Amino acid sequence: MIRFVIILPIIFVAWMLLVRIISDVKKANVDWTGVTTIIGFIVLAFWLRHVTGMG
């Protein structure tokens, strides 16, 4: 029961932050090409590190 009391507020706060971030992103004028390029490079770096074991 104590775990439920601790975990429930954490989940609630995370949900509220997620909703706020999504609403802020929808309002903002974001260059999605640049964002996806950056995310792609990060994913590529992690994948190459996983495949080669270097980095």
Protein backbone atom coordinates (compact mmCIF):
# COMPACT_ATOMS: atom_id res chain seq x y z
CA MET A 1 0.00 0.00 0.00
CA ILE A 2 2.85 2.39 0.82
CA ARG A 3 4.35 1.79 -2.62
CA PHE A 4 1.02 2.73 -4.19
CA VAL A 5 0.94 5.96 -2.18
CA ILE A 6 4.46 6.85 -3.33
CA ILE A 7 4.17 5.78 -6.97
CA LEU A 8 0.74 7.31 -7.69
CA PRO A 9 1.81 10.97 -7.15
CA ILE A 10 4.95 10.40 -9.23
CA ILE A 11 2.85 9.03 -12.10
CA PHE A 12 0.41 11.93 -11.75
CA VAL A 13 3.18 14.55 -11.86
CA ALA A 14 4.82 12.84 -14.86
CA TRP A 15 1.47 12.79 -16.68
CA MET A 16 0.87 16.48 -15.99
CA LEU A 17 4.37 17.36 -17.24
CA LEU A 18 3.84 15.30 -20.38
CA VAL A 19 0.51 17.02 -21.09
CA ARG A 20 2.09 20.44 -20.54
CA ILE A 21 5.05 19.66 -22.80
CA ILE A 22 2.75 18.42 -25.57
CA SER A 23 0.57 21.52 -25.35
CA ASP A 24 3.63 23.81 -25.42
CA VAL A 25 5.05 22.01 -28.45
CA LYS A 26 1.74 22.30 -30.29
CA LYS A 27 1.70 26.07 -29.67
CA ALA A 28 5.33 26.59 -30.68
CA ASN A 29 6.59 26.99 -34.22
CA VAL A 30 9.12 24.15 -34.31
CA ASP A 31 11.46 23.24 -37.17
CA TRP A 32 10.65 19.53 -37.24
CA THR A 33 13.27 18.80 -39.92
CA GLY A 34 16.06 19.92 -37.61
CA VAL A 35 14.58 18.09 -34.61
CA THR A 36 14.25 14.81 -36.52
CA THR A 37 17.79 15.19 -37.90
CA ILE A 38 19.22 15.62 -34.41
CA ILE A 39 17.21 12.67 -33.07
CA GLY A 40 18.33 10.58 -36.05
CA PHE A 41 22.01 11.31 -35.37
CA ILE A 42 21.59 10.41 -31.70
CA VAL A 43 19.84 7.13 -32.56
CA LEU A 44 22.52 6.36 -35.16
CA ALA A 45 25.26 6.98 -32.59
CA PHE A 46 23.67 4.61 -30.08
CA TRP A 47 23.07 1.96 -32.76
CA LEU A 48 26.67 2.17 -34.02
CA ARG A 49 27.92 1.94 -30.44
CA HIS A 50 25.77 -1.16 -29.93
CA VAL A 51 26.93 -2.79 -33.18
CA THR A 52 30.63 -1.96 -33.03
CA GLY A 53 31.14 -1.80 -29.26
CA MET A 54 33.15 1.40 -29.66
CA GLY A 55 32.39 4.87 -28.40
